[in-house]
C-alpha atoms as a PDB file:
ATOM      1  CA  MET A   1     -51.015 -37.740  31.678  1.00  0.00           C
ATOM      2  CA  PHE A   2     -53.488 -38.796  34.467  1.00  0.00           C
ATOM      3  CA  ARG A   3     -54.157 -41.876  32.086  1.00  0.00           C
ATOM      4  CA  LYS A   4     -50.234 -42.797  31.763  1.00  0.00           C
ATOM      5  CA  LEU A   5     -49.955 -42.045  35.596  1.00  0.00           C
ATOM      6  CA  SER A   6     -53.167 -44.617  36.228  1.00  0.00           C
ATOM      7  CA  ILE A   7     -51.295 -47.106  34.731  1.00  0.00           C
ATOM      8  CA  THR A   8     -47.944 -46.493  35.887  1.00  0.00           C
ATOM      9  CA  ILE A   9     -49.201 -46.516  39.613  1.00  0.00           C
ATOM     10  CA  ALA A  10     -51.464 -50.257  38.934  1.00  0.00           C
ATOM     11  CA  ILE A  11     -48.599 -51.570  37.466  1.00  0.00           C
ATOM     12  CA  PHE A  12     -46.772 -50.706  40.293  1.00  0.00           C
ATOM     13  CA  ALA A  13     -49.057 -52.365  42.822  1.00  0.00           C
ATOM     14  CA  PHE A  14     -48.088 -55.494  40.703  1.00  0.00           C
ATOM     15  CA  SER A  15     -45.543 -55.442  43.367  1.00  0.00           C
ATOM     16  CA  CYS A  16     -47.419 -55.893  46.144  1.00  0.00           C
ATOM     17  CA  ALA A  17     -50.791 -57.692  44.685  1.00  0.00           C
ATOM     18  CA  ASN A  18     -50.517 -59.159  41.618  1.00  0.00           C
ATOM     19  CA  VAL A  19     -55.455 -58.923  41.700  1.00  0.00           C
ATOM     20  CA  SER A  20     -54.890 -55.410  42.173  1.00  0.00           C
ATOM     21  CA  ALA A  21     -52.344 -55.524  39.124  1.00  0.00           C
ATOM     22  CA  GLN A  22     -54.801 -56.600  36.491  1.00  0.00           C
ATOM     23  CA  ASP A  23     -57.368 -53.979  37.364  1.00  0.00           C
ATOM     24  CA  TRP A  24     -56.300 -51.478  34.932  1.00  0.00           C
ATOM     25  CA  ALA A  25     -56.863 -53.855  32.424  1.00  0.00           C
ATOM     26  CA  LYS A  26     -60.086 -54.891  33.857  1.00  0.00           C
ATOM     27  CA  LYS A  27     -61.618 -51.831  34.094  1.00  0.00           C
ATOM     28  CA  MET A  28     -61.770 -51.508  30.129  1.00  0.00           C
ATOM     29  CA  PHE A  29     -64.384 -54.259  29.943  1.00  0.00           C
ATOM     30  CA  THR A  30     -68.333 -53.562  30.085  1.00  0.00           C
ATOM     31  CA  VAL A  31     -69.336 -56.646  32.004  1.00  0.00           C
ATOM     32  CA  THR A  32     -66.699 -59.505  33.020  1.00  0.00           C
ATOM     33  CA  SER A  33     -69.574 -62.314  32.740  1.00  0.00           C
ATOM     34  CA  HIS A  34     -72.708 -63.397  31.353  1.00  0.00           C
ATOM     35  CA  ASP A  35     -75.492 -66.181  31.677  1.00  0.00           C
ATOM     36  CA  PHE A  36     -76.848 -67.693  28.026  1.00  0.00           C
ATOM     37  CA  GLY A  37     -79.561 -68.824  30.137  1.00  0.00           C
ATOM     38  CA  THR A  38     -81.731 -71.782  28.668  1.00  0.00           C
ATOM     39  CA  VAL A  39     -80.916 -72.550  24.988  1.00  0.00           C
ATOM     40  CA  ALA A  40     -81.720 -74.957  22.519  1.00  0.00           C
ATOM     41  CA  ARG A  41     -79.613 -77.220  20.692  1.00  0.00           C
ATOM     42  CA  GLY A  42     -78.200 -75.840  17.456  1.00  0.00           C
ATOM     43  CA  SER A  43     -79.219 -72.117  18.584  1.00  0.00           C
ATOM     44  CA  LYS A  44     -76.551 -69.552  17.396  1.00  0.00           C
ATOM     45  CA  THR A  45     -75.425 -68.222  20.927  1.00  0.00           C
ATOM     46  CA  VAL A  46     -72.857 -65.671  21.139  1.00  0.00           C
ATOM     47  CA  PHE A  47     -72.134 -62.831  23.600  1.00  0.00           C
ATOM     48  CA  ARG A  48     -69.622 -60.072  22.846  1.00  0.00           C
ATOM     49  CA  PHE A  49     -67.253 -58.758  25.849  1.00  0.00           C
ATOM     50  CA  GLU A  50     -67.054 -54.805  24.521  1.00  0.00           C
ATOM     51  CA  ILE A  51     -63.860 -53.815  25.581  1.00  0.00           C
ATOM     52  CA  GLN A  52     -62.457 -50.032  25.574  1.00  0.00           C
ATOM     53  CA  ASN A  53     -59.159 -48.598  25.332  1.00  0.00           C
ATOM     54  CA  LYS A  54     -59.078 -45.505  28.217  1.00  0.00           C
ATOM     55  CA  TYR A  55     -55.671 -45.189  28.570  1.00  0.00           C
ATOM     56  CA  GLU A  56     -53.338 -43.187  26.080  1.00  0.00           C
ATOM     57  CA  GLU A  57     -50.924 -46.383  25.188  1.00  0.00           C
ATOM     58  CA  ASP A  58     -51.945 -48.482  22.287  1.00  0.00           C
ATOM     59  CA  LEU A  59     -53.698 -51.798  23.858  1.00  0.00           C
ATOM     60  CA  HIS A  60     -52.552 -55.170  21.981  1.00  0.00           C
ATOM     61  CA  ILE A  61     -54.457 -58.513  23.109  1.00  0.00           C
ATOM     62  CA  SER A  62     -52.440 -61.315  22.673  1.00  0.00           C
ATOM     63  CA  GLY A  63     -54.598 -63.955  22.539  1.00  0.00           C
ATOM     64  CA  VAL A  64     -57.510 -65.797  24.372  1.00  0.00           C
ATOM     65  CA  ARG A  65     -57.840 -69.307  26.379  1.00  0.00           C
ATOM     66  CA  THR A  66     -60.832 -71.084  27.144  1.00  0.00           C
ATOM     67  CA  SER A  67     -61.404 -73.548  29.901  1.00  0.00           C
ATOM     68  CA  CYS A  68     -64.471 -75.612  28.340  1.00  0.00           C
ATOM     69  CA  GLY A  69     -64.938 -76.858  24.925  1.00  0.00           C
ATOM     70  CA  CYS A  70     -67.945 -75.733  25.110  1.00  0.00           C
ATOM     71  CA  THR A  71     -67.301 -72.190  24.672  1.00  0.00           C
ATOM     72  CA  THR A  72     -65.527 -70.500  21.927  1.00  0.00           C
ATOM     73  CA  PRO A  73     -63.322 -67.191  22.240  1.00  0.00           C
ATOM     74  CA  SER A  74     -62.668 -64.634  19.754  1.00  0.00           C
ATOM     75  CA  ILE A  75     -61.106 -61.589  19.007  1.00  0.00           C
ATOM     76  CA  GLU A  76     -62.639 -58.914  17.453  1.00  0.00           C
ATOM     77  CA  ASN A  77     -60.028 -56.444  17.000  1.00  0.00           C
ATOM     78  CA  ALA A  78     -56.597 -57.309  18.807  1.00  0.00           C
ATOM     79  CA  THR A  79     -54.805 -53.510  18.755  1.00  0.00           C
ATOM     80  CA  LEU A  80     -57.177 -50.956  19.978  1.00  0.00           C
ATOM     81  CA  LYS A  81     -55.669 -47.029  20.303  1.00  0.00           C
ATOM     82  CA  THR A  82     -57.058 -44.719  22.818  1.00  0.00           C
ATOM     83  CA  TRP A  83     -61.056 -44.858  23.029  1.00  0.00           C
ATOM     84  CA  GLU A  84     -61.325 -47.703  20.623  1.00  0.00           C
ATOM     85  CA  LYS A  85     -63.282 -50.392  21.570  1.00  0.00           C
ATOM     86  CA  GLY A  86     -63.611 -54.262  20.430  1.00  0.00           C
ATOM     87  CA  ALA A  87     -64.731 -57.112  21.934  1.00  0.00           C
ATOM     88  CA  ILE A  88     -63.925 -60.878  22.978  1.00  0.00           C
ATOM     89  CA  VAL A  89     -67.082 -62.878  21.481  1.00  0.00           C
ATOM     90  CA  ALA A  90     -67.918 -65.709  23.537  1.00  0.00           C
ATOM     91  CA  LYS A  91     -69.621 -68.303  21.038  1.00  0.00           C
ATOM     92  CA  PHE A  92     -71.737 -71.553  22.939  1.00  0.00           C
ATOM     93  CA  ASN A  93     -71.120 -74.337  21.386  1.00  0.00           C
ATOM     94  CA  THR A  94     -74.555 -76.110  21.174  1.00  0.00           C
ATOM     95  CA  ASN A  95     -74.672 -78.235  18.455  1.00  0.00           C
ATOM     96  CA  SER A  96     -71.971 -80.515  20.390  1.00  0.00           C
ATOM     97  CA  PHE A  97     -72.619 -80.080  23.618  1.00  0.00           C
ATOM     98  CA  LEU A  98     -75.810 -80.523  26.255  1.00  0.00           C
ATOM     99  CA  GLY A  99     -76.786 -79.783  29.455  1.00  0.00           C
ATOM    100  CA  SER A 100     -75.915 -76.952  32.020  1.00  0.00           C
ATOM    101  CA  LYS A 101     -72.233 -75.868  30.941  1.00  0.00           C
ATOM    102  CA  ASP A 102     -69.718 -73.014  32.071  1.00  0.00           C
ATOM    103  CA  ALA A 103     -66.402 -71.720  30.949  1.00  0.00           C
ATOM    104  CA  THR A 104     -63.792 -69.383  32.344  1.00  0.00           C
ATOM    105  CA  ILE A 105     -62.512 -67.160  29.407  1.00  0.00           C
ATOM    106  CA  THR A 106     -58.567 -66.140  29.506  1.00  0.00           C
ATOM    107  CA  VAL A 107     -57.990 -62.889  27.921  1.00  0.00           C
ATOM    108  CA  THR A 108     -54.062 -62.117  27.642  1.00  0.00           C
ATOM    109  CA  ILE A 109     -52.987 -58.283  26.976  1.00  0.00           C
ATOM    110  CA  ASP A 110     -48.976 -58.011  26.188  1.00  0.00           C
ATOM    111  CA  LYS A 111     -49.141 -53.861  25.587  1.00  0.00           C
ATOM    112  CA  PRO A 112     -48.544 -51.599  26.983  1.00  0.00           C
ATOM    113  CA  PHE A 113     -48.176 -53.820  29.682  1.00  0.00           C
ATOM    114  CA  ARG A 114     -48.701 -57.840  29.904  1.00  0.00           C
ATOM    115  CA  ALA A 115     -51.816 -58.661  32.046  1.00  0.00           C
ATOM    116  CA  GLU A 116     -54.598 -61.593  32.352  1.00  0.00           C
ATOM    117  CA  VAL A 117     -58.468 -60.854  32.507  1.00  0.00           C
ATOM    118  CA  GLN A 118     -60.965 -63.468  33.405  1.00  0.00           C
ATOM    119  CA  LEU A 119     -64.264 -63.808  31.609  1.00  0.00           C
ATOM    120  CA  SER A 120     -67.052 -66.098  32.363  1.00  0.00           C
ATOM    121  CA  VAL A 121     -70.116 -67.864  30.646  1.00  0.00           C
ATOM    122  CA  LYS A 122     -72.707 -70.190  31.802  1.00  0.00           C
ATOM    123  CA  GLY A 123     -76.087 -71.599  30.383  1.00  0.00           C
ATOM    124  CA  THR A 124     -78.323 -75.024  29.674  1.00  0.00           C
ATOM    125  CA  ILE A 125     -78.343 -76.403  26.264  1.00  0.00           C
ATOM    126  CA  ARG A 126     -81.318 -78.151  25.739  1.00  0.00           C
ATOM    127  CA  GLY A 127     -81.225 -81.706  23.771  1.00  0.00           C
ATOM    128  CA  ASP A 128     -85.251 -82.055  23.481  1.00  0.00           C
ATOM    129  CA  VAL A 129     -85.412 -78.899  21.376  1.00  0.00           C
ATOM    130  CA  VAL A 130     -83.903 -78.333  18.104  1.00  0.00           C
ATOM    131  CA  LEU A 131     -84.117 -74.881  16.461  1.00  0.00           C
ATOM    132  CA  THR A 132     -83.552 -74.414  12.455  1.00  0.00           C
ATOM    133  CA  PRO A 133     -82.259 -72.507  11.647  1.00  0.00           C
ATOM    134  CA  GLY A 134     -80.442 -71.191  14.799  1.00  0.00           C
ATOM    135  CA  LEU A 135     -81.424 -67.460  15.200  1.00  0.00           C
ATOM    136  CA  ILE A 136     -84.030 -65.125  13.935  1.00  0.00           C
ATOM    137  CA  GLN A 137     -81.579 -63.298  11.280  1.00  0.00           C
ATOM    138  CA  LEU A 138     -83.684 -59.456   9.875  1.00  0.00           C
ATOM    139  CA  GLY A 139     -80.199 -59.039   8.110  1.00  0.00           C
ATOM    140  CA  ASN A 140     -79.344 -55.529   6.754  1.00  0.00           C
ATOM    141  CA  VAL A 141     -82.657 -53.350   6.826  1.00  0.00           C
ATOM    142  CA  GLU A 142     -83.531 -49.229   5.312  1.00  0.00           C
ATOM    143  CA  GLN A 143     -85.194 -47.726   7.708  1.00  0.00           C
ATOM    144  CA  GLY A 144     -88.940 -47.611   6.964  1.00  0.00           C
ATOM    145  CA  GLU A 145     -88.359 -50.897   5.536  1.00  0.00           C
ATOM    146  CA  THR A 146     -89.792 -54.505   7.263  1.00  0.00           C
ATOM    147  CA  ALA A 147     -87.712 -57.591   7.556  1.00  0.00           C
ATOM    148  CA  THR A 148     -89.519 -61.221   7.975  1.00  0.00           C
ATOM    149  CA  SER A 149     -87.654 -64.719   9.449  1.00  0.00           C
ATOM    150  CA  LYS A 150     -89.059 -67.850  10.571  1.00  0.00           C
ATOM    151  CA  VAL A 151     -87.804 -70.881  12.395  1.00  0.00           C
ATOM    152  CA  HIS A 152     -88.796 -74.255  12.706  1.00  0.00           C
ATOM    153  CA  ILE A 153     -88.743 -75.518  16.498  1.00  0.00           C
ATOM    154  CA  ALA A 154     -88.829 -79.337  17.151  1.00  0.00           C
ATOM    155  CA  TYR A 155     -89.810 -81.044  20.201  1.00  0.00           C
ATOM    156  CA  ALA A 156     -89.121 -84.529  21.109  1.00  0.00           C
ATOM    157  CA  GLY A 157     -90.404 -85.950  24.522  1.00  0.00           C
ATOM    158  CA  LYS A 158     -93.628 -85.573  26.594  1.00  0.00           C
ATOM    159  CA  SER A 159     -96.414 -85.562  25.067  1.00  0.00           C
ATOM    160  CA  ASN A 160     -98.169 -82.784  26.360  1.00  0.00           C
ATOM    161  CA  TRP A 161     -95.397 -80.645  25.858  1.00  0.00           C
ATOM    162  CA  GLN A 162     -96.257 -76.975  24.146  1.00  0.00           C
ATOM    163  CA  ILE A 163     -95.005 -73.696  23.690  1.00  0.00           C
ATOM    164  CA  VAL A 164     -97.614 -71.548  25.056  1.00  0.00           C
ATOM    165  CA  ASP A 165     -95.881 -67.491  24.502  1.00  0.00           C
ATOM    166  CA  VAL A 166     -93.311 -66.077  22.786  1.00  0.00           C
ATOM    167  CA  ARG A 167     -92.273 -62.876  24.426  1.00  0.00           C
ATOM    168  CA  SER A 168     -89.886 -59.865  23.279  1.00  0.00           C
ATOM    169  CA  ALA A 169     -88.844 -56.616  24.805  1.00  0.00           C
ATOM    170  CA  ASN A 170     -88.079 -54.801  21.894  1.00  0.00           C
ATOM    171  CA  PRO A 171     -92.077 -53.132  20.678  1.00  0.00           C
ATOM    172  CA  ALA A 172     -90.757 -53.294  16.941  1.00  0.00           C
ATOM    173  CA  LEU A 173     -90.972 -56.915  16.638  1.00  0.00           C
ATOM    174  CA  ALA A 174     -93.916 -58.447  15.550  1.00  0.00           C
ATOM    175  CA  VAL A 175     -94.280 -62.299  16.379  1.00  0.00           C
ATOM    176  CA  GLU A 176     -96.750 -65.315  14.993  1.00  0.00           C
ATOM    177  CA  LEU A 177     -96.602 -68.695  16.002  1.00  0.00           C
ATOM    178  CA  VAL A 178     -98.351 -71.974  14.159  1.00  0.00           C
ATOM    179  CA  GLN A 179     -98.184 -75.252  15.451  1.00  0.00           C
ATOM    180  CA  THR A 180     -97.384 -77.696  12.496  1.00  0.00           C
ATOM    181  CA  ASN A 181     -97.347 -81.225  13.847  1.00  0.00           C
ATOM    182  CA  ARG A 182     -98.014 -83.138  17.129  1.00  0.00           C
ATOM    183  CA  SER A 183     -97.637 -86.913  17.284  1.00  0.00           C
ATOM    184  CA  ALA A 184     -96.185 -89.810  19.779  1.00  0.00           C
ATOM    185  CA  GLY A 185     -94.530 -86.761  22.028  1.00  0.00           C
ATOM    186  CA  ARG A 186     -93.109 -84.877  19.346  1.00  0.00           C
ATOM    187  CA  ALA A 187     -94.434 -81.430  18.558  1.00  0.00           C
ATOM    188  CA  GLY A 188     -93.071 -78.756  15.753  1.00  0.00           C
ATOM    189  CA  TYR A 189     -93.761 -74.984  15.290  1.00  0.00           C
ATOM    190  CA  ASP A 190     -92.748 -72.013  13.343  1.00  0.00           C
ATOM    191  CA  LEU A 191     -92.041 -69.479  14.379  1.00  0.00           C
ATOM    192  CA  VAL A 192     -92.553 -66.071  12.298  1.00  0.00           C
ATOM    193  CA  VAL A 193     -91.175 -62.591  13.276  1.00  0.00           C
ATOM    194  CA  ARG A 194     -91.697 -59.711  11.181  1.00  0.00           C
ATOM    195  CA  LEU A 195     -90.335 -56.365  11.939  1.00  0.00           C
ATOM    196  CA  LYS A 196     -92.395 -53.641  12.008  1.00  0.00           C
ATOM    197  CA  GLU A 197     -91.950 -49.933   9.794  1.00  0.00           C
ATOM    198  CA  GLY A 198     -91.069 -47.812  12.380  1.00  0.00           C
ATOM    199  CA  ALA A 199     -88.341 -49.702  14.147  1.00  0.00           C
ATOM    200  CA  PRO A 200     -85.856 -46.926  15.016  1.00  0.00           C
ATOM    201  CA  VAL A 201     -82.103 -47.123  13.430  1.00  0.00           C
ATOM    202  CA  GLY A 202     -79.485 -49.597  15.022  1.00  0.00           C
ATOM    203  CA  PHE A 203     -79.177 -52.977  16.031  1.00  0.00           C
ATOM    204  CA  ILE A 204     -82.235 -54.898  16.662  1.00  0.00           C
ATOM    205  CA  GLN A 205     -82.017 -56.110  20.395  1.00  0.00           C
ATOM    206  CA  GLY A 206     -83.117 -59.191  21.500  1.00  0.00           C
ATOM    207  CA  PRO A 207     -83.223 -62.083  22.932  1.00  0.00           C
ATOM    208  CA  LEU A 208     -86.620 -63.357  21.879  1.00  0.00           C
ATOM    209  CA  THR A 209     -88.341 -65.874  25.067  1.00  0.00           C
ATOM    210  CA  ILE A 210     -89.884 -68.963  23.984  1.00  0.00           C
ATOM    211  CA  VAL A 211     -92.304 -69.740  26.684  1.00  0.00           C
ATOM    212  CA  THR A 212     -93.597 -73.244  27.538  1.00  0.00           C
ATOM    213  CA  ASN A 213     -95.278 -75.702  29.559  1.00  0.00           C
ATOM    214  CA  ASP A 214     -92.504 -77.231  31.505  1.00  0.00           C
ATOM    215  CA  SER A 215     -93.024 -76.507  35.166  1.00  0.00           C
ATOM    216  CA  TYR A 216     -88.903 -77.868  35.718  1.00  0.00           C
ATOM    217  CA  ASN A 217     -87.331 -74.961  32.816  1.00  0.00           C
ATOM    218  CA  PRO A 218     -89.894 -72.905  30.846  1.00  0.00           C
ATOM    219  CA  ASN A 219     -88.105 -70.912  28.887  1.00  0.00           C
ATOM    220  CA  ILE A 220     -85.834 -70.844  26.174  1.00  0.00           C
ATOM    221  CA  SER A 221     -83.900 -67.894  24.517  1.00  0.00           C
ATOM    222  CA  LEU A 222     -83.648 -67.217  21.039  1.00  0.00           C
ATOM    223  CA  ALA A 223     -81.132 -64.745  19.721  1.00  0.00           C
ATOM    224  CA  ILE A 224     -81.719 -62.256  17.154  1.00  0.00           C
ATOM    225  CA  GLU A 225     -79.382 -60.291  14.185  1.00  0.00           C
ATOM    226  CA  GLY A 226     -80.218 -57.535  12.258  1.00  0.00           C
ATOM    227  CA  LYS A 227     -79.282 -53.787  12.061  1.00  0.00           C
ATOM    228  CA  ILE A 228     -81.384 -50.969  10.914  1.00  0.00           C
ATOM    229  CA  ASN A 229     -79.828 -48.160   9.001  1.00  0.00           C
ATOM    230  CA  SER A 230     -80.347 -45.119   8.207  1.00  0.00           C
ATOM    231  CA  ALA A 231     -82.276 -43.752   5.379  1.00  0.00           C
ATOM    232  CA  VAL A 232     -80.613 -40.426   5.678  1.00  0.00           C
ATOM    233  CA  THR A 233     -76.852 -40.049   5.980  1.00  0.00           C
ATOM    234  CA  VAL A 234     -74.556 -37.203   6.768  1.00  0.00           C
ATOM    235  CA  SER A 235     -71.185 -36.614   6.182  1.00  0.00           C
ATOM    236  CA  PRO A 236     -68.801 -35.834   7.241  1.00  0.00           C
ATOM    237  CA  ALA A 237     -70.095 -37.677  10.269  1.00  0.00           C
ATOM    238  CA  ALA A 238     -67.243 -35.717  12.273  1.00  0.00           C
ATOM    239  CA  LEU A 239     -67.596 -31.877  11.212  1.00  0.00           C
ATOM    240  CA  SER A 240     -63.934 -30.482  12.445  1.00  0.00           C
ATOM    241  CA  LEU A 241     -64.363 -26.665  12.687  1.00  0.00           C
ATOM    242  CA  GLY A 242     -60.824 -26.003  13.678  1.00  0.00           C
ATOM    243  CA  GLU A 243     -59.263 -23.786  16.293  1.00  0.00           C
ATOM    244  CA  LEU A 244     -61.051 -19.945  16.591  1.00  0.00           C
ATOM    245  CA  THR A 245     -60.542 -16.795  18.819  1.00  0.00           C
ATOM    246  CA  VAL A 246     -63.600 -15.409  20.130  1.00  0.00           C
ATOM    247  CA  GLY A 247     -66.071 -13.901  18.081  1.00  0.00           C
ATOM    248  CA  GLU A 248     -64.166 -15.400  14.711  1.00  0.00           C
ATOM    249  CA  THR A 249     -66.603 -16.999  12.487  1.00  0.00           C
ATOM    250  CA  VAL A 250     -66.263 -19.819   9.986  1.00  0.00           C
ATOM    251  CA  GLN A 251     -68.288 -21.926   7.746  1.00  0.00           C
ATOM    252  CA  LYS A 252     -68.255 -25.374   6.463  1.00  0.00           C
ATOM    253  CA  LYS A 253     -70.360 -27.739   4.204  1.00  0.00           C
ATOM    254  CA  ILE A 254     -72.365 -31.112   5.151  1.00  0.00           C
ATOM    255  CA  ILE A 255     -73.504 -33.423   2.564  1.00  0.00           C
ATOM    256  CA  VAL A 256     -77.297 -35.356   3.193  1.00  0.00           C
ATOM    257  CA  ARG A 257     -78.134 -38.117   0.921  1.00  0.00           C
ATOM    258  CA  ALA A 258     -80.348 -40.680   0.176  1.00  0.00           C
ATOM    259  CA  LYS A 259     -81.501 -43.302  -2.414  1.00  0.00           C
ATOM    260  CA  LYS A 260     -84.436 -41.560  -3.310  1.00  0.00           C
ATOM    261  CA  PRO A 261     -85.314 -37.445  -3.624  1.00  0.00           C
ATOM    262  CA  PHE A 262     -86.195 -35.972  -0.150  1.00  0.00           C
ATOM    263  CA  LYS A 263     -86.620 -32.482   1.675  1.00  0.00           C
ATOM    264  CA  ILE A 264     -85.275 -31.322   4.734  1.00  0.00           C
ATOM    265  CA  THR A 265     -87.792 -30.159   7.295  1.00  0.00           C
ATOM    266  CA  SER A 266     -86.144 -28.982  10.073  1.00  0.00           C
ATOM    267  CA  ILE A 267     -82.334 -28.707  11.338  1.00  0.00           C
ATOM    268  CA  LYS A 268     -81.829 -28.559  14.847  1.00  0.00           C
ATOM    269  CA  CYS A 269     -79.136 -28.110  17.146  1.00  0.00           C
ATOM    270  CA  GLU A 270     -78.833 -26.879  20.759  1.00  0.00           C
ATOM    271  CA  ASP A 271     -76.234 -24.818  20.589  1.00  0.00           C
ATOM    272  CA  LYS A 272     -77.488 -20.819  19.435  1.00  0.00           C
ATOM    273  CA  CYS A 273     -73.368 -20.769  17.863  1.00  0.00           C
ATOM    274  CA  PHE A 274     -74.515 -22.625  15.068  1.00  0.00           C
ATOM    275  CA  GLU A 275     -76.386 -21.151  12.238  1.00  0.00           C
ATOM    276  CA  PHE A 276     -77.751 -22.900   9.310  1.00  0.00           C
ATOM    277  CA  GLY A 277     -79.551 -20.241   6.664  1.00  0.00           C
ATOM    278  CA  ASP A 278     -83.114 -21.466   4.732  1.00  0.00           C
ATOM    279  CA  LEU A 279     -84.590 -24.563   4.122  1.00  0.00           C
ATOM    280  CA  PRO A 280     -84.020 -25.784   0.391  1.00  0.00           C
ATOM    281  CA  LYS A 281     -87.084 -26.212  -0.821  1.00  0.00           C
ATOM    282  CA  GLU A 282     -86.668 -29.504  -3.638  1.00  0.00           C
ATOM    283  CA  ALA A 283     -86.508 -32.250  -3.061  1.00  0.00           C
ATOM    284  CA  LYS A 284     -83.484 -34.170  -4.047  1.00  0.00           C
ATOM    285  CA  LYS A 285     -81.262 -36.779  -3.369  1.00  0.00           C
ATOM    286  CA  LEU A 286     -78.112 -35.233  -2.360  1.00  0.00           C
ATOM    287  CA  HIS A 287     -78.237 -31.499  -0.391  1.00  0.00           C
ATOM    288  CA  PHE A 288     -75.165 -29.505   0.730  1.00  0.00           C
ATOM    289  CA  LEU A 289     -76.106 -27.360   3.363  1.00  0.00           C
ATOM    290  CA  PRO A 290     -73.822 -24.480   4.806  1.00  0.00           C
ATOM    291  CA  VAL A 291     -73.074 -24.407   8.253  1.00  0.00           C
ATOM    292  CA  THR A 292     -71.424 -21.276   9.785  1.00  0.00           C
ATOM    293  CA  PHE A 293     -70.315 -21.336  13.304  1.00  0.00           C
ATOM    294  CA  THR A 294     -69.293 -17.855  15.553  1.00  0.00           C
ATOM    295  CA  ALA A 295     -67.315 -18.605  18.373  1.00  0.00           C
ATOM    296  CA  GLY A 296     -68.678 -17.496  21.799  1.00  0.00           C
ATOM    297  CA  GLU A 297     -67.290 -15.471  24.227  1.00  0.00           C
ATOM    298  CA  LYS A 298     -66.228 -18.704  26.681  1.00  0.00           C
ATOM    299  CA  PRO A 299     -63.222 -20.152  25.526  1.00  0.00           C
ATOM    300  CA  GLY A 300     -63.088 -24.088  25.077  1.00  0.00           C
ATOM    301  CA  LYS A 301     -63.992 -26.998  23.229  1.00  0.00           C
ATOM    302  CA  ILE A 302     -67.222 -26.857  21.687  1.00  0.00           C
ATOM    303  CA  THR A 303     -68.997 -29.215  20.436  1.00  0.00           C
ATOM    304  CA  GLY A 304     -72.625 -29.159  18.701  1.00  0.00           C
ATOM    305  CA  LYS A 305     -74.505 -32.053  17.363  1.00  0.00           C
ATOM    306  CA  ILE A 306     -76.592 -31.164  14.436  1.00  0.00           C
ATOM    307  CA  VAL A 307     -79.616 -33.250  13.378  1.00  0.00           C
ATOM    308  CA  ILE A 308     -81.186 -32.915   9.864  1.00  0.00           C
ATOM    309  CA  GLU A 309     -84.802 -34.251   9.153  1.00  0.00           C
ATOM    310  CA  THR A 310     -86.428 -35.319   6.506  1.00  0.00           C
ATOM    311  CA  ASP A 311     -89.800 -35.966   4.920  1.00  0.00           C
ATOM    312  CA  ILE A 312     -88.990 -39.653   4.175  1.00  0.00           C
ATOM    313  CA  ALA A 313     -89.961 -42.715   6.245  1.00  0.00           C
ATOM    314  CA  ASN A 314     -92.484 -40.296   8.612  1.00  0.00           C
ATOM    315  CA  GLY A 315     -89.415 -38.658   9.538  1.00  0.00           C
ATOM    316  CA  ALA A 316     -86.101 -40.366   8.983  1.00  0.00           C
ATOM    317  CA  SER A 317     -83.108 -38.069  10.370  1.00  0.00           C
ATOM    318  CA  GLY A 318     -79.483 -38.153  10.220  1.00  0.00           C
ATOM    319  CA  SER A 319     -77.038 -36.284  12.799  1.00  0.00           C
ATOM    320  CA  THR A 320     -73.205 -35.124  12.773  1.00  0.00           C
ATOM    321  CA  THR A 321     -70.973 -33.752  15.448  1.00  0.00           C
ATOM    322  CA  ALA A 322     -69.191 -30.688  15.377  1.00  0.00           C
ATOM    323  CA  THR A 323     -66.168 -29.665  16.980  1.00  0.00           C
ATOM    324  CA  ALA A 324     -64.105 -26.671  17.782  1.00  0.00           C
ATOM    325  CA  LEU A 325     -61.660 -25.215  20.212  1.00  0.00           C
ATOM    326  CA  VAL A 326     -62.187 -21.283  20.916  1.00  0.00           C
ATOM    327  CA  LYS A 327     -59.377 -19.419  22.597  1.00  0.00           C
ATOM    328  CA  GLY A 328     -59.066 -16.139  24.036  1.00  0.00           C
ATOM    329  CA  ALA A 329     -58.918 -13.441  22.467  1.00  0.00           C
END
């Protein structure tokens, strides 16, 4: 009811001020501007403007347009139901443009009401530095495994130009830099990036920052793509326990699997209404675990995160979120 009312108020405000009428749409974006910084020619430079539908009505994005050919926008998911997420993807065209560039991306929404949201991007594309390939691509990696990617950095310009450091805020990445050539104002480097074994599950965050001795423009951003998948999967990912009255008990089963035999070392859940019985002693690729839930005295929606820890890859784990609706006696 509140979400519908919020849109109604926003649309009513359109008759008073067009700017305020767009606020309901703008609020769905996490951010509306991004600075790519300084990037090399040929580098893959992409940013996702995440959007989440916070309203009851279905949302439809009918189109996107850009004020500059230096940036190509695209829609990741045009139709979003309540709480679904999508993105407007902005690609900086580093192969076709040089110098400082900026663009305004206009996102047009036609459902549940018409609105436009403007997103902005900017950055500087260097022509004297070329990356081959244009990013660090680590691919999809299973938890506990390693991955390696190499990029060649070619420079043409000042004879004393050099790379003095490569920085990353991600402790799961190890970097090695080797100079391959230097002559007549040209220099080349091979940059090798390795993913360490203990990297956590999730997307590999970047970018790397290449630091040079160029006092005017010392830093160059290098994008990283990769994802670490859990070695353990739990299904269902969302466990529905249904509606219960106070004191009622229900039992369900969850499935825990991996590519190789494993033992379950612990099952954790902060809510004391959940019980799991004894841990299985055998190492297997597939485990069926009983989950018993007893509704407490407090009515309402109950949510409990269940984490299953294993002996794979120094403690790889999986999880599921259980929900129940407890009604009064």
